[in-house]
Amino acid sequence: MPRPTAAQLAYGSCTVIFSTLAMLLLSQTSSGAGIAVISVAALALGLLVAMTVPLPGKRPAAVEQPAPREPLRASLPAPAPAPEPVRERAAS
């Protein structure tokens, strides 16, 4: 089994903490059994979130598009011919 990444640990831990607080505040329970049930549910939810975080390097394969049938050509004007070098006359 691969080790969890830092992102998985962070998302899972935050999920456990925030879901536990939310469920305890919304249910307003004070019994030990209610707190235990909420804690187990929050742990299960945190585990589910941590396991569904995408792993690095495992991206879905990109869909390849077919190559164009005709090569694209640039519509730039042809370069001007290079000027002829200047020839010096020999001094007589």
PDB file of N, CA and C in Angstrom:
ATOM      1  N   MET A   1       0.853  -1.178   0.000  1.00  0.00           N
ATOM      2  CA  MET A   1       0.000   0.000   0.000  1.00  0.00           C
ATOM      3  C   MET A   1       0.897   1.239   0.000  1.00  0.00           C
ATOM      4  N   PRO A   2       0.647   2.183  -0.916  1.00  0.00           N
ATOM      5  CA  PRO A   2       1.497   3.371  -0.968  1.00  0.00           C
ATOM      6  C   PRO A   2       1.275   4.286   0.225  1.00  0.00           C
ATOM      7  N   ARG A   3       2.292   5.038   0.539  1.00  0.00           N
ATOM      8  CA  ARG A   3       2.182   5.987   1.659  1.00  0.00           C
ATOM      9  C   ARG A   3       1.312   7.165   1.246  1.00  0.00           C
ATOM     10  N   PRO A   4       0.550   7.714   2.201  1.00  0.00           N
ATOM     11  CA  PRO A   4      -0.276   8.882   1.857  1.00  0.00           C
ATOM     12  C   PRO A   4       0.591  10.117   1.629  1.00  0.00           C
ATOM     13  N   THR A   5       0.164  10.954   0.720  1.00  0.00           N
ATOM     14  CA  THR A   5       0.894  12.185   0.429  1.00  0.00           C
ATOM     15  C   THR A   5       0.520  13.255   1.457  1.00  0.00           C
ATOM     16  N   ALA A   6       1.235  14.361   1.407  1.00  0.00           N
ATOM     17  CA  ALA A   6       0.951  15.461   2.335  1.00  0.00           C
ATOM     18  C   ALA A   6      -0.441  16.039   2.083  1.00  0.00           C
ATOM     19  N   ALA A   7      -0.843  16.093   0.819  1.00  0.00           N
ATOM     20  CA  ALA A   7      -2.176  16.615   0.496  1.00  0.00           C
ATOM     21  C   ALA A   7      -3.264  15.705   1.057  1.00  0.00           C
ATOM     22  N   GLN A   8      -3.069  14.400   0.954  1.00  0.00           N
ATOM     23  CA  GLN A   8      -4.052  13.462   1.497  1.00  0.00           C
ATOM     24  C   GLN A   8      -4.168  13.605   3.007  1.00  0.00           C
ATOM     25  N   LEU A   9      -3.040  13.727   3.671  1.00  0.00           N
ATOM     26  CA  LEU A   9      -3.079  13.892   5.135  1.00  0.00           C
ATOM     27  C   LEU A   9      -3.762  15.199   5.528  1.00  0.00           C
ATOM     28  N   ALA A  10      -3.472  16.255   4.810  1.00  0.00           N
ATOM     29  CA  ALA A  10      -4.053  17.558   5.138  1.00  0.00           C
ATOM     30  C   ALA A  10      -5.561  17.561   4.908  1.00  0.00           C
ATOM     31  N   TYR A  11      -5.995  17.076   3.737  1.00  0.00           N
ATOM     32  CA  TYR A  11      -7.431  17.059   3.442  1.00  0.00           C
ATOM     33  C   TYR A  11      -8.189  16.147   4.404  1.00  0.00           C
ATOM     34  N   GLY A  12      -7.619  14.993   4.692  1.00  0.00           N
ATOM     35  CA  GLY A  12      -8.283  14.070   5.601  1.00  0.00           C
ATOM     36  C   GLY A  12      -8.391  14.620   7.009  1.00  0.00           C
ATOM     37  N   SER A  13      -7.311  15.224   7.502  1.00  0.00           N
ATOM     38  CA  SER A  13      -7.319  15.779   8.855  1.00  0.00           C
ATOM     39  C   SER A  13      -8.297  16.946   8.989  1.00  0.00           C
ATOM     40  N   CYS A  14      -8.283  17.819   7.998  1.00  0.00           N
ATOM     41  CA  CYS A  14      -9.223  18.957   8.034  1.00  0.00           C
ATOM     42  C   CYS A  14     -10.667  18.481   7.976  1.00  0.00           C
ATOM     43  N   THR A  15     -10.911  17.451   7.187  1.00  0.00           N
ATOM     44  CA  THR A  15     -12.268  16.913   7.088  1.00  0.00           C
ATOM     45  C   THR A  15     -12.724  16.345   8.421  1.00  0.00           C
ATOM     46  N   VAL A  16     -11.841  15.610   9.085  1.00  0.00           N
ATOM     47  CA  VAL A  16     -12.206  15.022  10.381  1.00  0.00           C
ATOM     48  C   VAL A  16     -12.509  16.126  11.398  1.00  0.00           C
ATOM     49  N   ILE A  17     -11.649  17.116  11.474  1.00  0.00           N
ATOM     50  CA  ILE A  17     -11.825  18.174  12.478  1.00  0.00           C
ATOM     51  C   ILE A  17     -13.092  18.973  12.223  1.00  0.00           C
ATOM     52  N   PHE A  18     -13.253  19.463  10.980  1.00  0.00           N
ATOM     53  CA  PHE A  18     -14.403  20.325  10.690  1.00  0.00           C
ATOM     54  C   PHE A  18     -15.725  19.572  10.695  1.00  0.00           C
ATOM     55  N   SER A  19     -15.712  18.319  10.212  1.00  0.00           N
ATOM     56  CA  SER A  19     -16.977  17.571  10.232  1.00  0.00           C
ATOM     57  C   SER A  19     -17.366  17.177  11.660  1.00  0.00           C
ATOM     58  N   THR A  20     -16.390  16.884  12.514  1.00  0.00           N
ATOM     59  CA  THR A  20     -16.704  16.584  13.910  1.00  0.00           C
ATOM     60  C   THR A  20     -17.309  17.801  14.601  1.00  0.00           C
ATOM     61  N   LEU A  21     -16.688  18.947  14.418  1.00  0.00           N
ATOM     62  CA  LEU A  21     -17.232  20.164  15.033  1.00  0.00           C
ATOM     63  C   LEU A  21     -18.628  20.486  14.512  1.00  0.00           C
ATOM     64  N   ALA A  22     -18.816  20.368  13.196  1.00  0.00           N
ATOM     65  CA  ALA A  22     -20.119  20.682  12.617  1.00  0.00           C
ATOM     66  C   ALA A  22     -21.199  19.737  13.134  1.00  0.00           C
ATOM     67  N   MET A  23     -20.894  18.443  13.158  1.00  0.00           N
ATOM     68  CA  MET A  23     -21.912  17.477  13.613  1.00  0.00           C
ATOM     69  C   MET A  23     -22.207  17.644  15.103  1.00  0.00           C
ATOM     70  N   LEU A  24     -21.181  17.930  15.912  1.00  0.00           N
ATOM     71  CA  LEU A  24     -21.423  18.134  17.341  1.00  0.00           C
ATOM     72  C   LEU A  24     -22.254  19.394  17.583  1.00  0.00           C
ATOM     73  N   LEU A  25     -21.973  20.450  16.847  1.00  0.00           N
ATOM     74  CA  LEU A  25     -22.747  21.680  17.025  1.00  0.00           C
ATOM     75  C   LEU A  25     -24.181  21.529  16.520  1.00  0.00           C
ATOM     76  N   LEU A  26     -24.351  20.824  15.404  1.00  0.00           N
ATOM     77  CA  LEU A  26     -25.698  20.674  14.855  1.00  0.00           C
ATOM     78  C   LEU A  26     -26.550  19.693  15.662  1.00  0.00           C
ATOM     79  N   SER A  27     -25.933  18.637  16.192  1.00  0.00           N
ATOM     80  CA  SER A  27     -26.723  17.648  16.929  1.00  0.00           C
ATOM     81  C   SER A  27     -26.965  18.048  18.377  1.00  0.00           C
ATOM     82  N   GLN A  28     -26.109  18.888  18.913  1.00  0.00           N
ATOM     83  CA  GLN A  28     -26.184  19.343  20.307  1.00  0.00           C
ATOM     84  C   GLN A  28     -26.259  18.173  21.287  1.00  0.00           C
ATOM     85  N   THR A  29     -25.516  17.121  20.988  1.00  0.00           N
ATOM     86  CA  THR A  29     -25.505  15.954  21.873  1.00  0.00           C
ATOM     87  C   THR A  29     -24.502  16.168  23.000  1.00  0.00           C
ATOM     88  N   SER A  30     -24.798  15.551  24.126  1.00  0.00           N
ATOM     89  CA  SER A  30     -23.879  15.619  25.255  1.00  0.00           C
ATOM     90  C   SER A  30     -23.612  14.231  25.833  1.00  0.00           C
ATOM     91  N   SER A  31     -24.214  13.205  25.242  1.00  0.00           N
ATOM     92  CA  SER A  31     -23.988  11.845  25.742  1.00  0.00           C
ATOM     93  C   SER A  31     -22.709  11.275  25.139  1.00  0.00           C
ATOM     94  N   GLY A  32     -22.125  10.370  25.859  1.00  0.00           N
ATOM     95  CA  GLY A  32     -20.891   9.740  25.393  1.00  0.00           C
ATOM     96  C   GLY A  32     -21.110   8.917  24.144  1.00  0.00           C
ATOM     97  N   ALA A  33     -22.248   8.236  24.053  1.00  0.00           N
ATOM     98  CA  ALA A  33     -22.524   7.409  22.873  1.00  0.00           C
ATOM     99  C   ALA A  33     -22.708   8.281  21.624  1.00  0.00           C
ATOM    100  N   GLY A  34     -23.378   9.406  21.772  1.00  0.00           N
ATOM    101  CA  GLY A  34     -23.576  10.308  20.632  1.00  0.00           C
ATOM    102  C   GLY A  34     -22.268  10.879  20.126  1.00  0.00           C
ATOM    103  N   ILE A  35     -21.400  11.256  21.058  1.00  0.00           N
ATOM    104  CA  ILE A  35     -20.090  11.793  20.682  1.00  0.00           C
ATOM    105  C   ILE A  35     -19.253  10.717  19.991  1.00  0.00           C
ATOM    106  N   ALA A  36     -19.345   9.474  20.474  1.00  0.00           N
ATOM    107  CA  ALA A  36     -18.589   8.373  19.865  1.00  0.00           C
ATOM    108  C   ALA A  36     -19.074   8.104  18.444  1.00  0.00           C
ATOM    109  N   VAL A  37     -20.392   8.117  18.239  1.00  0.00           N
ATOM    110  CA  VAL A  37     -20.936   7.883  16.895  1.00  0.00           C
ATOM    111  C   VAL A  37     -20.505   8.993  15.944  1.00  0.00           C
ATOM    112  N   ILE A  38     -20.550  10.226  16.408  1.00  0.00           N
ATOM    113  CA  ILE A  38     -20.138  11.360  15.579  1.00  0.00           C
ATOM    114  C   ILE A  38     -18.645  11.275  15.266  1.00  0.00           C
ATOM    115  N   SER A  39     -17.841  10.883  16.231  1.00  0.00           N
ATOM    116  CA  SER A  39     -16.401  10.764  16.016  1.00  0.00           C
ATOM    117  C   SER A  39     -16.071   9.687  14.989  1.00  0.00           C
ATOM    118  N   VAL A  40     -16.741   8.541  15.084  1.00  0.00           N
ATOM    119  CA  VAL A  40     -16.513   7.458  14.125  1.00  0.00           C
ATOM    120  C   VAL A  40     -16.959   7.883  12.726  1.00  0.00           C
ATOM    121  N   ALA A  41     -18.093   8.578  12.640  1.00  0.00           N
ATOM    122  CA  ALA A  41     -18.577   9.045  11.340  1.00  0.00           C
ATOM    123  C   ALA A  41     -17.602  10.058  10.737  1.00  0.00           C
ATOM    124  N   ALA A  42     -17.069  10.953  11.560  1.00  0.00           N
ATOM    125  CA  ALA A  42     -16.111  11.941  11.062  1.00  0.00           C
ATOM    126  C   ALA A  42     -14.816  11.278  10.601  1.00  0.00           C
ATOM    127  N   LEU A  43     -14.353  10.264  11.325  1.00  0.00           N
ATOM    128  CA  LEU A  43     -13.155   9.544  10.908  1.00  0.00           C
ATOM    129  C   LEU A  43     -13.368   8.825   9.578  1.00  0.00           C
ATOM    130  N   ALA A  44     -14.542   8.214   9.412  1.00  0.00           N
ATOM    131  CA  ALA A  44     -14.850   7.527   8.158  1.00  0.00           C
ATOM    132  C   ALA A  44     -14.910   8.523   7.003  1.00  0.00           C
ATOM    133  N   LEU A  45     -15.513   9.675   7.241  1.00  0.00           N
ATOM    134  CA  LEU A  45     -15.590  10.704   6.209  1.00  0.00           C
ATOM    135  C   LEU A  45     -14.195  11.240   5.865  1.00  0.00           C
ATOM    136  N   GLY A  46     -13.353  11.443   6.861  1.00  0.00           N
ATOM    137  CA  GLY A  46     -11.977  11.895   6.618  1.00  0.00           C
ATOM    138  C   GLY A  46     -11.171  10.883   5.831  1.00  0.00           C
ATOM    139  N   LEU A  47     -11.356   9.596   6.119  1.00  0.00           N
ATOM    140  CA  LEU A  47     -10.672   8.542   5.371  1.00  0.00           C
ATOM    141  C   LEU A  47     -11.144   8.514   3.927  1.00  0.00           C
ATOM    142  N   LEU A  48     -12.430   8.683   3.725  1.00  0.00           N
ATOM    143  CA  LEU A  48     -12.981   8.703   2.369  1.00  0.00           C
ATOM    144  C   LEU A  48     -12.413   9.879   1.571  1.00  0.00           C
ATOM    145  N   VAL A  49     -12.360  11.043   2.183  1.00  0.00           N
ATOM    146  CA  VAL A  49     -11.821  12.227   1.499  1.00  0.00           C
ATOM    147  C   VAL A  49     -10.339  12.044   1.202  1.00  0.00           C
ATOM    148  N   ALA A  50      -9.582  11.507   2.143  1.00  0.00           N
ATOM    149  CA  ALA A  50      -8.142  11.327   1.943  1.00  0.00           C
ATOM    150  C   ALA A  50      -7.848  10.333   0.825  1.00  0.00           C
ATOM    151  N   MET A  51      -8.666   9.323   0.682  1.00  0.00           N
ATOM    152  CA  MET A  51      -8.416   8.318  -0.345  1.00  0.00           C
ATOM    153  C   MET A  51      -8.873   8.770  -1.737  1.00  0.00           C
ATOM    154  N   THR A  52      -9.721   9.781  -1.813  1.00  0.00           N
ATOM    155  CA  THR A  52     -10.188  10.240  -3.115  1.00  0.00           C
ATOM    156  C   THR A  52      -9.400  11.418  -3.653  1.00  0.00           C
ATOM    157  N   VAL A  53      -8.430  11.926  -2.889  1.00  0.00           N
ATOM    158  CA  VAL A  53      -7.567  12.999  -3.392  1.00  0.00           C
ATOM    159  C   VAL A  53      -6.714  12.401  -4.496  1.00  0.00           C
ATOM    160  N   PRO A  54      -6.660  13.036  -5.684  1.00  0.00           N
ATOM    161  CA  PRO A  54      -5.873  12.459  -6.778  1.00  0.00           C
ATOM    162  C   PRO A  54      -4.391  12.405  -6.445  1.00  0.00           C
ATOM    163  N   LEU A  55      -3.751  11.315  -6.842  1.00  0.00           N
ATOM    164  CA  LEU A  55      -2.328  11.148  -6.601  1.00  0.00           C
ATOM    165  C   LEU A  55      -1.533  11.901  -7.654  1.00  0.00           C
ATOM    166  N   PRO A  56      -0.365  12.414  -7.296  1.00  0.00           N
ATOM    167  CA  PRO A  56       0.440  13.124  -8.299  1.00  0.00           C
ATOM    168  C   PRO A  56       0.961  12.155  -9.357  1.00  0.00           C
ATOM    169  N   GLY A  57       0.986  12.629 -10.601  1.00  0.00           N
ATOM    170  CA  GLY A  57       1.526  11.825 -11.683  1.00  0.00           C
ATOM    171  C   GLY A  57       0.533  10.891 -12.328  1.00  0.00           C
ATOM    172  N   LYS A  58      -0.638  10.733 -11.784  1.00  0.00           N
ATOM    173  CA  LYS A  58      -1.633   9.842 -12.371  1.00  0.00           C
ATOM    174  C   LYS A  58      -2.759  10.673 -12.957  1.00  0.00           C
ATOM    175  N   ARG A  59      -2.455  11.336 -14.058  1.00  0.00           N
ATOM    176  CA  ARG A  59      -3.453  12.147 -14.725  1.00  0.00           C
ATOM    177  C   ARG A  59      -4.069  11.341 -15.853  1.00  0.00           C
ATOM    178  N   PRO A  60      -5.302  11.622 -16.171  1.00  0.00           N
ATOM    179  CA  PRO A  60      -5.895  10.900 -17.292  1.00  0.00           C
ATOM    180  C   PRO A  60      -5.166  11.241 -18.589  1.00  0.00           C
ATOM    181  N   ALA A  61      -5.096  10.261 -19.459  1.00  0.00           N
ATOM    182  CA  ALA A  61      -4.397  10.462 -20.721  1.00  0.00           C
ATOM    183  C   ALA A  61      -5.129  11.484 -21.576  1.00  0.00           C
ATOM    184  N   ALA A  62      -4.368  12.349 -22.189  1.00  0.00           N
ATOM    185  CA  ALA A  62      -4.963  13.373 -23.042  1.00  0.00           C
ATOM    186  C   ALA A  62      -5.425  12.738 -24.347  1.00  0.00           C
ATOM    187  N   VAL A  63      -6.512  13.229 -24.856  1.00  0.00           N
ATOM    188  CA  VAL A  63      -7.022  12.718 -26.116  1.00  0.00           C
ATOM    189  C   VAL A  63      -6.203  13.328 -27.236  1.00  0.00           C
ATOM    190  N   GLU A  64      -5.631  12.462 -28.064  1.00  0.00           N
ATOM    191  CA  GLU A  64      -4.806  12.962 -29.156  1.00  0.00           C
ATOM    192  C   GLU A  64      -5.701  13.379 -30.312  1.00  0.00           C
ATOM    193  N   GLN A  65      -5.382  14.508 -30.894  1.00  0.00           N
ATOM    194  CA  GLN A  65      -6.145  14.995 -32.033  1.00  0.00           C
ATOM    195  C   GLN A  65      -5.388  14.612 -33.302  1.00  0.00           C
ATOM    196  N   PRO A  66      -6.097  14.263 -34.346  1.00  0.00           N
ATOM    197  CA  PRO A  66      -5.398  13.880 -35.575  1.00  0.00           C
ATOM    198  C   PRO A  66      -4.637  15.068 -36.160  1.00  0.00           C
ATOM    199  N   ALA A  67      -3.540  14.751 -36.811  1.00  0.00           N
ATOM    200  CA  ALA A  67      -2.710  15.797 -37.415  1.00  0.00           C
ATOM    201  C   ALA A  67      -3.449  16.395 -38.606  1.00  0.00           C
ATOM    202  N   PRO A  68      -3.232  17.677 -38.886  1.00  0.00           N
ATOM    203  CA  PRO A  68      -3.892  18.265 -40.051  1.00  0.00           C
ATOM    204  C   PRO A  68      -3.414  17.579 -41.330  1.00  0.00           C
ATOM    205  N   ARG A  69      -4.293  17.475 -42.300  1.00  0.00           N
ATOM    206  CA  ARG A  69      -3.964  16.774 -43.540  1.00  0.00           C
ATOM    207  C   ARG A  69      -2.961  17.554 -44.383  1.00  0.00           C
ATOM    208  N   GLU A  70      -3.011  18.849 -44.342  1.00  0.00           N
ATOM    209  CA  GLU A  70      -2.159  19.696 -45.155  1.00  0.00           C
ATOM    210  C   GLU A  70      -1.306  20.542 -44.218  1.00  0.00           C
ATOM    211  N   PRO A  71      -0.004  20.608 -44.448  1.00  0.00           N
ATOM    212  CA  PRO A  71       0.816  21.413 -43.534  1.00  0.00           C
ATOM    213  C   PRO A  71       0.453  22.889 -43.644  1.00  0.00           C
ATOM    214  N   LEU A  72       0.521  23.553 -42.531  1.00  0.00           N
ATOM    215  CA  LEU A  72       0.227  24.975 -42.504  1.00  0.00           C
ATOM    216  C   LEU A  72       1.421  25.742 -43.048  1.00  0.00           C
ATOM    217  N   ARG A  73       1.151  26.755 -43.830  1.00  0.00           N
ATOM    218  CA  ARG A  73       2.223  27.551 -44.412  1.00  0.00           C
ATOM    219  C   ARG A  73       2.124  28.977 -43.907  1.00  0.00           C
ATOM    220  N   ALA A  74       3.264  29.542 -43.661  1.00  0.00           N
ATOM    221  CA  ALA A  74       3.284  30.933 -43.200  1.00  0.00           C
ATOM    222  C   ALA A  74       3.001  31.851 -44.383  1.00  0.00           C
ATOM    223  N   SER A  75       2.298  32.915 -44.131  1.00  0.00           N
ATOM    224  CA  SER A  75       1.963  33.840 -45.210  1.00  0.00           C
ATOM    225  C   SER A  75       2.851  35.079 -45.142  1.00  0.00           C
ATOM    226  N   LEU A  76       4.111  34.869 -44.885  1.00  0.00           N
ATOM    227  CA  LEU A  76       5.053  35.976 -44.824  1.00  0.00           C
ATOM    228  C   LEU A  76       5.632  36.216 -46.212  1.00  0.00           C
ATOM    229  N   PRO A  77       5.951  37.475 -46.541  1.00  0.00           N
ATOM    230  CA  PRO A  77       6.555  37.728 -47.857  1.00  0.00           C
ATOM    231  C   PRO A  77       7.952  37.124 -47.920  1.00  0.00           C
ATOM    232  N   ALA A  78       8.388  36.819 -49.134  1.00  0.00           N
ATOM    233  CA  ALA A  78       9.722  36.253 -49.329  1.00  0.00           C
ATOM    234  C   ALA A  78      10.759  37.302 -48.954  1.00  0.00           C
ATOM    235  N   PRO A  79      11.850  36.894 -48.346  1.00  0.00           N
ATOM    236  CA  PRO A  79      12.862  37.879 -47.951  1.00  0.00           C
ATOM    237  C   PRO A  79      13.506  38.512 -49.183  1.00  0.00           C
ATOM    238  N   ALA A  80      13.880  39.780 -49.064  1.00  0.00           N
ATOM    239  CA  ALA A  80      14.536  40.488 -50.157  1.00  0.00           C
ATOM    240  C   ALA A  80      15.920  39.900 -50.366  1.00  0.00           C
ATOM    241  N   PRO A  81      16.365  39.858 -51.628  1.00  0.00           N
ATOM    242  CA  PRO A  81      17.700  39.302 -51.863  1.00  0.00           C
ATOM    243  C   PRO A  81      18.770  40.165 -51.199  1.00  0.00           C
ATOM    244  N   ALA A  82      19.813  39.526 -50.795  1.00  0.00           N
ATOM    245  CA  ALA A  82      20.903  40.234 -50.112  1.00  0.00           C
ATOM    246  C   ALA A  82      21.597  41.165 -51.086  1.00  0.00           C
ATOM    247  N   PRO A  83      21.963  42.362 -50.667  1.00  0.00           N
ATOM    248  CA  PRO A  83      22.660  43.272 -51.576  1.00  0.00           C
ATOM    249  C   PRO A  83      24.043  42.726 -51.921  1.00  0.00           C
ATOM    250  N   GLU A  84      24.471  43.035 -53.134  1.00  0.00           N
ATOM    251  CA  GLU A  84      25.783  42.586 -53.567  1.00  0.00           C
ATOM    252  C   GLU A  84      26.864  43.352 -52.824  1.00  0.00           C
ATOM    253  N   PRO A  85      27.934  42.695 -52.501  1.00  0.00           N
ATOM    254  CA  PRO A  85      29.005  43.390 -51.785  1.00  0.00           C
ATOM    255  C   PRO A  85      29.636  44.458 -52.683  1.00  0.00           C
ATOM    256  N   VAL A  86      30.067  45.534 -52.089  1.00  0.00           N
ATOM    257  CA  VAL A  86      30.695  46.640 -52.812  1.00  0.00           C
ATOM    258  C   VAL A  86      32.132  46.273 -53.139  1.00  0.00           C
ATOM    259  N   ARG A  87      32.474  46.408 -54.404  1.00  0.00           N
ATOM    260  CA  ARG A  87      33.845  46.078 -54.816  1.00  0.00           C
ATOM    261  C   ARG A  87      34.613  47.388 -54.974  1.00  0.00           C
ATOM    262  N   GLU A  88      35.731  47.431 -54.398  1.00  0.00           N
ATOM    263  CA  GLU A  88      36.561  48.628 -54.509  1.00  0.00           C
ATOM    264  C   GLU A  88      37.442  48.529 -55.736  1.00  0.00           C
ATOM    265  N   ARG A  89      37.638  49.673 -56.423  1.00  0.00           N
ATOM    266  CA  ARG A  89      38.519  49.692 -57.582  1.00  0.00           C
ATOM    267  C   ARG A  89      39.969  49.866 -57.106  1.00  0.00           C
ATOM    268  N   ALA A  90      40.814  49.212 -57.798  1.00  0.00           N
ATOM    269  CA  ALA A  90      42.219  49.346 -57.467  1.00  0.00           C
ATOM    270  C   ALA A  90      42.699  50.717 -57.909  1.00  0.00           C
ATOM    271  N   ALA A  91      43.442  51.367 -57.089  1.00  0.00           N
ATOM    272  CA  ALA A  91      43.959  52.705 -57.427  1.00  0.00           C
ATOM    273  C   ALA A  91      45.056  52.572 -58.472  1.00  0.00           C
ATOM    274  N   SER A  92      44.984  53.325 -59.561  1.00  0.00           N
ATOM    275  CA  SER A  92      46.023  53.236 -60.592  1.00  0.00           C
ATOM    276  C   SER A  92      46.838  54.492 -60.664  1.00  0.00           C
TER     277      SER A  92
END
